Amino acid sequence: MPWCPRCDEVFPDGTACPRCSTRLVDRDRGSIPEELQGIPDFPTIKVSRRDRRALERLSGPKAPSSRVLALAIAALVFAVGFLAGRIGSLEPAGPSVRALPPAEGLGPFDVEGSAVYLLWTNEPLATMAVHDVYSGDVVPRARLSPPFAATGDTRTQVTAHAGSVALVVAEDDASFVTFSPLGKPPHGWVTGVEAAWAAPDVLLVREADDTVVEWSVRAGRVRSSRWGHAERLFQTPNGAIALRSGRLVPGDDAAARGLPVPDGARVLATDGERALVDNDGVALWDGATFKRVQLQGFEAVGGTFEAGGDRVALVVRAGRDLTVAVIDARGDAALKPLGAHAGGCAPTVSWDLSGRWLYVGAGDGMVRAVETAGGHVEPIRTKSVGCGLAWID
C-alpha cells in the first residue's frame, strides 16, 4: 500500500503525497530501508589555534567600542593631570604668591575685567591685588614687603597700561613706587611720587624734586635713565603724558611741542590732544577753545578720559559728598552720586574698555561700579588701602 513516510498516511492512488509531495513508498513490501538512505558522516575539519581563539572571541561578550575606550582614556588622563596639578600647586614654605579671600562679585551685571589696588595682608606684605569684578576672585599680581609700617594715612596711586601696572605708596613725606610689567617679574621699591607708563615695558617715575626717571624692563634687565623734568605725570590709554613748562608732552617724545595749557589752569585729565582743566570753572580745552562744563557748587578732584571715546569721567565733591560727572564732547555733564564721603586721599576713577562702567576708589575700602548710561551704583567691599585704583582687562 503506498505510504507517505513524512505524513505517515496511506494514499491508495498516485506516486507522490498529495499534501507534501513526498514520494510514496510501498510499506507492505518492506521498502522503507531501500527508500530511506542513510546520511553519511560529516568530514572532520582541522581548525588552527588562531581561528579557535577568533571563534571564542566572537562567542564571548561584545567588547566596548573605540569611542567608549577613547572617552575612558581621556577621563583617566584628565584625572591624573588634575591630581598632578593639585600636587604641583602645593608651595614650599617661605615667601610665595598665594590666593586671596574672594570679594563680592557683580555677576548679575554686564561687567568684564578687573580692578587693581593695594591691600595689606597679615604676613605683612604689600599686595598688588587684581580683583575680577564679575566673579569676585582676588589674586595677587605682586607681593612685596611694605616700604613702611601701614597706618590709616597711607596714600596710593595705581596706573595701568596694556596690562602693565605701577603702584605708588606714600605716607607723610615718604613715597615709593613698585611696578609689574606685563609678563615680567615685579620690581620695587624705587623712590617716586608719580608714575605713568610710556609703553608696556617703559615706566616714567617722577621724584619729589620733579626729576623724571625712565625705567625700562627689556631682555630680562631693568635699567634706569634720566628723562628730564616734569611737574605732573598723567596716564592715558596711549601712554604717559608729562606736564612740563606749561605744555602737555608725550612721554615717549620729550622734545615734542605738545598741548599748551592756559595760564593758571589746573589740569584734571588729558588724553594728549585735549585736556579737562579747572580755569575759573571746569572746561574742555583743545589748545584753542574752551567748552565750559556746568558744575556749579562742586569742587573738581580728578578725572580720566575714556579709552577710544570722547567722554571724560570726573570726580567732584560738594562738602564731603562725592559724585561722578560723566562729561561728553559738548561739555554736558551727567551727575551720579556715589553715596561716599571724601577722606584723606584723592578719589580716583577708571573706565572699563566697554565704556559702560566706571570704577571709583574713594579710600573707604570700597570699589564702586558706576553705570555710565544708567543709574546703577554698586558698591563692592574690599580690603583696599588708600584711593589708588586702575582697570585692566
Protein backbone atom coordinates (compact mmCIF):
# COMPACT_ATOMS: atom_id res chain seq x y z
CA MET A 1 0.00 0.00 0.00
CA PRO A 2 1.53 3.40 -0.97
CA TRP A 3 2.56 5.26 2.19
CA CYS A 4 3.95 8.75 2.87
CA PRO A 5 6.88 8.48 5.32
CA ARG A 6 6.62 12.19 6.15
CA CYS A 7 2.88 12.50 6.79
CA ASP A 8 2.64 8.84 7.97
CA GLU A 9 -0.52 8.27 5.98
CA VAL A 10 -1.58 5.83 3.28
CA PHE A 11 -2.66 7.07 -0.11
CA PRO A 12 -4.03 4.38 -2.49
CA ASP A 13 -3.53 6.39 -5.65
CA GLY A 14 -0.57 8.18 -7.10
CA THR A 15 3.16 8.07 -6.64
CA ALA A 16 3.56 11.27 -4.54
CA CYS A 17 1.89 12.54 -1.37
CA PRO A 18 -0.90 14.94 -2.29
CA ARG A 19 -0.09 17.02 0.84
CA CYS A 20 3.69 17.38 0.94
CA SER A 21 4.64 15.93 -2.49
CA THR A 22 6.95 13.39 -0.84
CA ARG A 23 7.48 10.20 -2.88
CA LEU A 24 5.18 7.37 -1.69
CA VAL A 25 6.69 4.02 -0.79
CA ASP A 26 5.16 0.52 -0.63
CA ARG A 27 5.11 -0.27 3.09
CA ASP A 28 3.85 -3.80 2.55
CA ARG A 29 6.92 -4.69 0.50
CA GLY A 30 9.29 -3.52 3.24
CA SER A 31 10.86 -0.97 1.03
CA ILE A 32 11.50 1.52 3.71
CA PRO A 33 15.14 0.60 4.14
CA GLU A 34 15.55 0.82 0.39
CA GLU A 35 13.93 4.20 0.09
CA LEU A 36 15.35 5.86 3.23
CA GLN A 37 19.04 6.30 2.57
CA GLY A 38 21.44 6.75 5.47
CA ILE A 39 23.21 10.09 5.88
CA PRO A 40 26.95 9.88 5.58
CA ASP A 41 29.13 11.24 8.40
CA PHE A 42 30.33 14.85 8.19
CA PRO A 43 34.01 15.16 7.34
CA THR A 44 36.36 16.19 10.13
CA ILE A 45 37.81 19.71 9.77
CA LYS A 46 41.04 20.86 11.47
CA VAL A 47 40.87 24.37 12.94
CA SER A 48 44.02 26.31 13.78
CA ARG A 49 44.62 27.74 17.24
CA ARG A 50 44.34 31.31 15.95
CA ASP A 51 40.95 30.53 14.32
CA ARG A 52 39.73 28.85 17.52
CA ARG A 53 40.66 31.98 19.51
CA ALA A 54 38.85 34.12 16.98
CA LEU A 55 35.74 31.94 17.31
CA GLU A 56 35.98 32.11 21.10
CA ARG A 57 36.16 35.94 20.94
CA LEU A 58 33.11 36.01 18.66
CA SER A 59 31.16 33.78 21.03
CA GLY A 60 32.17 35.85 24.10
CA PRO A 61 30.69 39.18 25.36
CA LYS A 62 30.93 42.14 22.97
CA ALA A 63 33.97 44.40 23.50
CA PRO A 64 33.40 48.11 24.13
CA SER A 65 33.55 50.40 21.11
CA SER A 66 36.60 52.51 20.26
CA ARG A 67 34.68 55.68 21.17
CA VAL A 68 33.95 54.39 24.66
CA LEU A 69 37.59 53.41 25.09
CA ALA A 70 38.74 56.86 23.91
CA LEU A 71 36.42 58.60 26.37
CA ALA A 72 37.60 56.37 29.21
CA ILE A 73 41.26 57.06 28.39
CA ALA A 74 40.60 60.85 28.17
CA ALA A 75 38.84 60.80 31.56
CA LEU A 76 41.75 58.90 33.09
CA VAL A 77 44.31 61.33 31.66
CA PHE A 78 42.29 64.33 32.91
CA ALA A 79 42.02 62.83 36.41
CA VAL A 80 45.75 62.13 36.55
CA GLY A 81 46.56 65.63 35.25
CA PHE A 82 44.23 67.26 37.76
CA LEU A 83 45.80 65.37 40.65
CA ALA A 84 49.28 66.22 39.41
CA GLY A 85 48.33 69.90 39.14
CA ARG A 86 46.91 69.90 42.64
CA ILE A 87 50.05 68.28 44.00
CA GLY A 88 52.26 70.65 41.98
CA SER A 89 50.36 73.68 43.31
CA LEU A 90 51.42 72.91 46.87
CA GLU A 91 54.00 75.60 47.53
CA PRO A 92 57.12 75.24 49.66
CA ALA A 93 57.49 77.16 52.88
CA GLY A 94 58.69 80.73 52.60
CA PRO A 95 57.65 83.82 50.61
CA SER A 96 55.18 82.87 47.90
CA VAL A 97 52.19 84.15 45.94
CA ARG A 98 49.03 82.59 47.36
CA ALA A 99 45.34 83.05 46.76
CA LEU A 100 43.46 85.86 48.49
CA PRO A 101 39.98 85.68 50.03
CA PRO A 102 37.28 86.33 47.42
CA ALA A 103 35.21 89.51 47.45
CA GLU A 104 31.72 90.25 46.24
CA GLY A 105 31.06 89.79 42.54
CA LEU A 106 28.81 91.62 40.10
CA GLY A 107 27.51 88.50 38.39
CA PRO A 108 24.02 89.89 37.62
CA PHE A 109 25.52 92.83 35.71
CA ASP A 110 27.20 93.00 32.32
CA VAL A 111 30.74 93.64 33.58
CA GLU A 112 34.06 92.25 32.42
CA GLY A 113 37.59 92.97 33.59
CA SER A 114 39.48 93.57 36.81
CA ALA A 115 40.29 96.40 39.18
CA VAL A 116 43.80 96.70 40.61
CA TYR A 117 44.50 98.16 44.04
CA LEU A 118 46.78 97.81 47.07
CA LEU A 119 45.93 95.79 50.15
CA TRP A 120 47.87 94.88 53.26
CA THR A 121 47.96 91.23 54.29
CA ASN A 122 48.81 89.60 57.58
CA GLU A 123 52.32 88.44 56.63
CA PRO A 124 52.74 91.57 56.50
CA LEU A 125 53.02 92.17 52.78
CA ALA A 126 52.05 94.91 50.39
CA THR A 127 49.96 93.13 47.77
CA MET A 128 49.12 94.47 44.34
CA ALA A 129 45.72 92.78 44.07
CA VAL A 130 43.78 92.04 40.87
CA HIS A 131 40.05 91.88 41.57
CA ASP A 132 37.77 90.31 38.94
CA VAL A 133 34.62 92.37 39.45
CA TYR A 134 32.32 89.79 37.83
CA SER A 135 33.32 86.74 39.87
CA GLY A 136 34.76 88.44 42.93
CA ASP A 137 38.02 86.48 42.67
CA VAL A 138 41.02 88.37 44.05
CA VAL A 139 44.53 87.22 43.07
CA PRO A 140 47.92 88.79 43.85
CA ARG A 141 49.77 90.38 40.93
CA ALA A 142 52.81 91.09 43.12
CA ARG A 143 53.70 90.83 46.79
CA LEU A 144 56.47 92.78 48.44
CA SER A 145 57.48 93.81 51.92
CA PRO A 146 55.89 97.22 52.55
CA PRO A 147 58.28 100.18 52.46
CA PHE A 148 56.96 101.38 55.82
CA ALA A 149 54.54 100.33 58.55
CA ALA A 150 50.94 100.63 57.42
CA THR A 151 48.71 103.23 59.07
CA GLY A 152 45.38 104.77 58.23
CA ASP A 153 47.07 107.69 56.43
CA THR A 154 48.60 105.68 53.57
CA ARG A 155 48.01 107.24 50.15
CA THR A 156 48.09 105.18 46.97
CA GLN A 157 48.04 105.70 43.20
CA VAL A 158 47.69 102.93 40.63
CA THR A 159 48.33 103.27 36.89
CA ALA A 160 47.86 100.60 34.23
CA HIS A 161 48.64 100.44 30.54
CA ALA A 162 48.33 97.44 28.19
CA GLY A 163 48.38 95.04 31.13
CA SER A 164 51.36 96.60 32.94
CA VAL A 165 50.68 98.03 36.41
CA ALA A 166 52.52 100.52 38.64
CA LEU A 167 51.73 101.34 42.26
CA VAL A 168 52.72 104.42 44.26
CA VAL A 169 52.57 104.18 48.07
CA ALA A 170 53.05 107.33 50.16
CA GLU A 171 52.90 108.21 53.81
CA ASP A 172 53.97 111.52 55.35
CA ASP A 173 56.99 112.62 53.28
CA ALA A 174 57.97 109.11 52.12
CA SER A 175 56.81 107.88 48.74
CA PHE A 176 57.83 104.76 46.80
CA VAL A 177 56.94 103.04 43.52
CA THR A 178 56.74 99.38 42.54
CA PHE A 179 55.88 98.20 39.04
CA SER A 180 54.86 94.98 37.36
CA PRO A 181 55.32 94.93 33.56
CA LEU A 182 53.07 92.52 31.70
CA GLY A 183 54.62 89.06 31.63
CA LYS A 184 57.70 90.10 33.62
CA PRO A 185 58.64 89.94 37.32
CA PRO A 186 57.72 92.93 39.52
CA HIS A 187 60.35 95.43 40.58
CA GLY A 188 60.43 97.73 43.58
CA TRP A 189 60.69 99.76 45.61
CA VAL A 190 62.09 102.91 43.94
CA THR A 191 61.63 106.46 45.15
CA GLY A 192 58.95 108.47 43.38
CA VAL A 193 55.73 110.42 43.83
CA GLU A 194 54.04 109.70 40.47
CA ALA A 195 54.29 107.09 37.74
CA ALA A 196 52.93 106.59 34.21
CA TRP A 197 53.65 104.03 31.51
CA ALA A 198 55.10 105.39 28.26
CA ALA A 199 54.98 101.84 26.85
CA PRO A 200 54.13 98.43 28.35
CA ASP A 201 57.81 97.98 29.29
CA VAL A 202 58.80 101.62 29.92
CA LEU A 203 57.71 103.47 33.07
CA LEU A 204 58.26 107.15 33.88
CA VAL A 205 58.66 107.92 37.59
CA ARG A 206 58.58 111.49 38.89
CA GLU A 207 60.56 112.14 42.03
CA ALA A 208 59.86 114.78 44.69
CA ASP A 209 62.16 117.34 43.03
CA ASP A 210 60.32 116.92 39.67
CA THR A 211 63.13 114.84 38.17
CA VAL A 212 61.69 112.14 35.92
CA VAL A 213 63.47 108.78 35.67
CA GLU A 214 62.72 106.32 32.89
CA TRP A 215 62.67 102.68 33.98
CA SER A 216 62.74 100.07 31.22
CA VAL A 217 62.40 96.30 31.50
CA ARG A 218 63.79 94.68 28.37
CA ALA A 219 65.64 91.46 27.61
CA GLY A 220 65.29 90.44 31.25
CA ARG A 221 67.12 93.52 32.55
CA VAL A 222 65.84 96.54 34.49
CA ARG A 223 67.52 99.80 33.52
CA SER A 224 67.04 103.41 34.55
CA SER A 225 67.97 106.67 32.84
CA ARG A 226 67.21 110.34 33.29
CA TRP A 227 64.24 111.52 31.21
CA GLY A 228 64.09 115.20 32.26
CA HIS A 229 61.79 117.27 34.47
CA ALA A 230 58.00 117.46 34.80
CA GLU A 231 55.51 118.98 37.21
CA ARG A 232 52.92 116.20 36.68
CA LEU A 233 52.53 112.81 35.03
CA PHE A 234 49.26 111.56 33.54
CA GLN A 235 48.41 108.06 32.39
CA THR A 236 46.39 107.90 29.17
CA PRO A 237 45.25 104.96 27.02
CA ASN A 238 48.02 105.89 24.55
CA GLY A 239 50.80 106.18 27.11
CA ALA A 240 52.29 108.71 29.52
CA ILE A 241 51.76 112.47 29.25
CA ALA A 242 54.02 114.85 31.14
CA LEU A 243 53.21 118.44 32.15
CA ARG A 244 56.40 120.43 31.72
CA SER A 245 56.87 124.18 31.27
CA GLY A 246 53.15 124.76 30.67
CA ARG A 247 52.75 122.06 27.99
CA LEU A 248 51.43 118.52 27.94
CA VAL A 249 54.00 116.43 26.05
CA PRO A 250 54.04 112.69 25.29
CA GLY A 251 56.27 110.62 27.50
CA ASP A 252 57.93 108.89 24.56
CA ASP A 253 58.96 112.21 22.96
CA ALA A 254 60.14 114.79 25.46
CA ALA A 255 61.06 117.20 22.65
CA ALA A 256 57.53 117.31 21.18
CA ARG A 257 55.71 120.65 21.15
CA GLY A 258 52.68 119.20 22.93
CA LEU A 259 49.40 120.79 24.03
CA PRO A 260 49.73 124.24 25.66
CA VAL A 261 47.96 124.73 28.99
CA PRO A 262 46.26 128.10 29.69
CA ASP A 263 47.99 130.20 32.33
CA GLY A 264 46.72 129.46 35.81
CA ALA A 265 44.71 126.42 34.72
CA ARG A 266 44.87 123.18 36.67
CA VAL A 267 44.88 120.06 34.52
CA LEU A 268 42.36 117.49 35.76
CA ALA A 269 42.73 114.95 32.94
CA THR A 270 44.19 114.67 29.44
CA ASP A 271 44.46 112.29 26.51
CA GLY A 272 47.34 114.21 24.93
CA GLU A 273 45.20 116.03 22.36
CA ARG A 274 42.63 117.53 24.75
CA ALA A 275 42.54 118.36 28.40
CA LEU A 276 39.93 118.84 31.09
CA VAL A 277 41.07 121.89 33.06
CA ASP A 278 39.91 123.93 36.01
CA ASN A 279 40.30 127.57 34.96
CA ASP A 280 37.74 129.58 36.93
CA GLY A 281 35.46 126.63 36.32
CA VAL A 282 35.78 123.24 34.66
CA ALA A 283 36.20 123.29 30.87
CA LEU A 284 37.31 121.12 27.98
CA TRP A 285 40.36 122.57 26.24
CA ASP A 286 41.71 121.60 22.80
CA GLY A 287 44.53 124.14 22.60
CA ALA A 288 42.36 126.87 21.04
CA THR A 289 38.88 126.98 22.61
CA PHE A 290 37.13 126.26 25.90
CA LYS A 291 33.90 124.31 26.34
CA ARG A 292 32.55 125.16 29.74
CA VAL A 293 31.07 122.40 31.90
CA GLN A 294 28.18 123.38 34.17
CA LEU A 295 29.27 122.13 37.59
CA GLN A 296 28.37 124.98 39.91
CA GLY A 297 28.57 124.09 43.57
CA PHE A 298 31.09 121.30 43.08
CA GLU A 299 34.84 121.13 43.60
CA ALA A 300 36.68 119.15 40.93
CA VAL A 301 39.01 116.45 42.24
CA GLY A 302 40.36 114.39 39.34
CA GLY A 303 39.30 112.53 36.26
CA THR A 304 40.23 110.47 33.23
CA PHE A 305 39.37 110.33 29.53
CA GLU A 306 37.54 107.37 28.07
CA ALA A 307 39.73 104.99 26.08
CA GLY A 308 38.84 105.43 22.43
CA GLY A 309 35.97 107.82 23.19
CA ASP A 310 35.12 111.48 23.71
CA ARG A 311 33.84 111.37 27.26
CA VAL A 312 35.57 112.31 30.50
CA ALA A 313 34.81 110.94 33.96
CA LEU A 314 35.38 113.49 36.72
CA VAL A 315 35.08 113.02 40.48
CA VAL A 316 33.65 116.12 42.18
CA ARG A 317 32.69 116.89 45.76
CA ALA A 318 30.15 119.06 47.49
CA GLY A 319 31.27 119.30 51.07
CA ARG A 320 32.29 115.72 51.81
CA ASP A 321 29.81 114.08 49.43
CA LEU A 322 31.37 112.58 46.32
CA THR A 323 29.78 112.46 42.85
CA VAL A 324 30.95 111.29 39.43
CA ALA A 325 30.27 113.57 36.46
CA VAL A 326 30.26 111.93 33.01
CA ILE A 327 31.10 114.75 30.58
CA ASP A 328 30.51 114.42 26.83
CA ALA A 329 32.26 116.21 23.97
CA ARG A 330 29.79 119.15 24.14
CA GLY A 331 30.57 119.79 27.80
CA ASP A 332 27.28 118.38 29.12
CA ALA A 333 27.62 116.53 32.42
CA ALA A 334 25.53 113.67 33.83
CA LEU A 335 25.88 113.50 37.62
CA LYS A 336 25.93 110.20 39.50
CA PRO A 337 26.11 110.46 43.33
CA LEU A 338 28.35 107.80 44.85
CA GLY A 339 26.97 107.65 48.37
CA ALA A 340 30.53 108.05 49.67
CA HIS A 341 32.41 110.70 51.62
CA ALA A 342 35.80 112.21 50.85
CA GLY A 343 38.63 111.03 53.06
CA GLY A 344 42.33 111.74 53.37
CA CYS A 345 43.24 110.77 49.80
CA ALA A 346 42.15 112.00 46.38
CA PRO A 347 39.45 109.72 44.90
CA THR A 348 40.32 108.07 41.59
CA VAL A 349 38.16 106.89 38.71
CA SER A 350 38.81 104.43 35.85
CA TRP A 351 36.91 103.40 32.71
CA ASP A 352 36.44 99.85 31.59
CA LEU A 353 37.14 99.11 27.91
CA SER A 354 33.46 98.89 27.00
CA GLY A 355 32.73 102.42 28.28
CA ARG A 356 29.62 101.13 30.08
CA TRP A 357 31.07 101.18 33.60
CA LEU A 358 33.27 103.38 35.74
CA TYR A 359 35.11 102.23 38.84
CA VAL A 360 35.84 104.61 41.69
CA GLY A 361 38.16 104.32 44.68
CA ALA A 362 37.18 106.71 47.46
CA GLY A 363 39.53 105.45 50.16
CA ASP A 364 36.88 103.79 52.33
CA GLY A 365 37.71 100.17 51.46
CA MET A 366 35.05 100.02 48.74
CA VAL A 367 35.18 99.86 44.96
CA ARG A 368 32.12 101.45 43.38
CA ALA A 369 30.93 100.34 39.96
CA VAL A 370 29.03 103.18 38.26
CA GLU A 371 26.90 102.59 35.18
CA THR A 372 27.64 105.40 32.72
CA ALA A 373 24.30 105.29 30.88
CA GLY A 374 22.07 104.30 33.80
CA GLY A 375 21.53 104.81 37.48
CA HIS A 376 23.28 101.78 38.96
CA VAL A 377 25.97 102.46 41.56
CA GLU A 378 27.08 99.15 43.02
CA PRO A 379 29.49 99.17 45.99
CA ILE A 380 31.91 96.24 46.29
CA ARG A 381 33.52 95.68 49.68
CA THR A 382 37.28 95.15 49.54
CA LYS A 383 40.32 95.44 51.81
CA SER A 384 41.94 98.07 49.63
CA VAL A 385 44.31 100.70 51.03
CA GLY A 386 44.03 104.33 50.01
CA CYS A 387 42.27 105.61 46.88
CA GLY A 388 44.52 104.11 44.21
CA LEU A 389 42.56 102.19 41.58
CA ALA A 390 43.21 101.19 37.96
CA TRP A 391 41.47 98.96 35.44
CA ILE A 392 42.90 96.10 33.41
CA ASP A 393 41.21 93.60 31.08
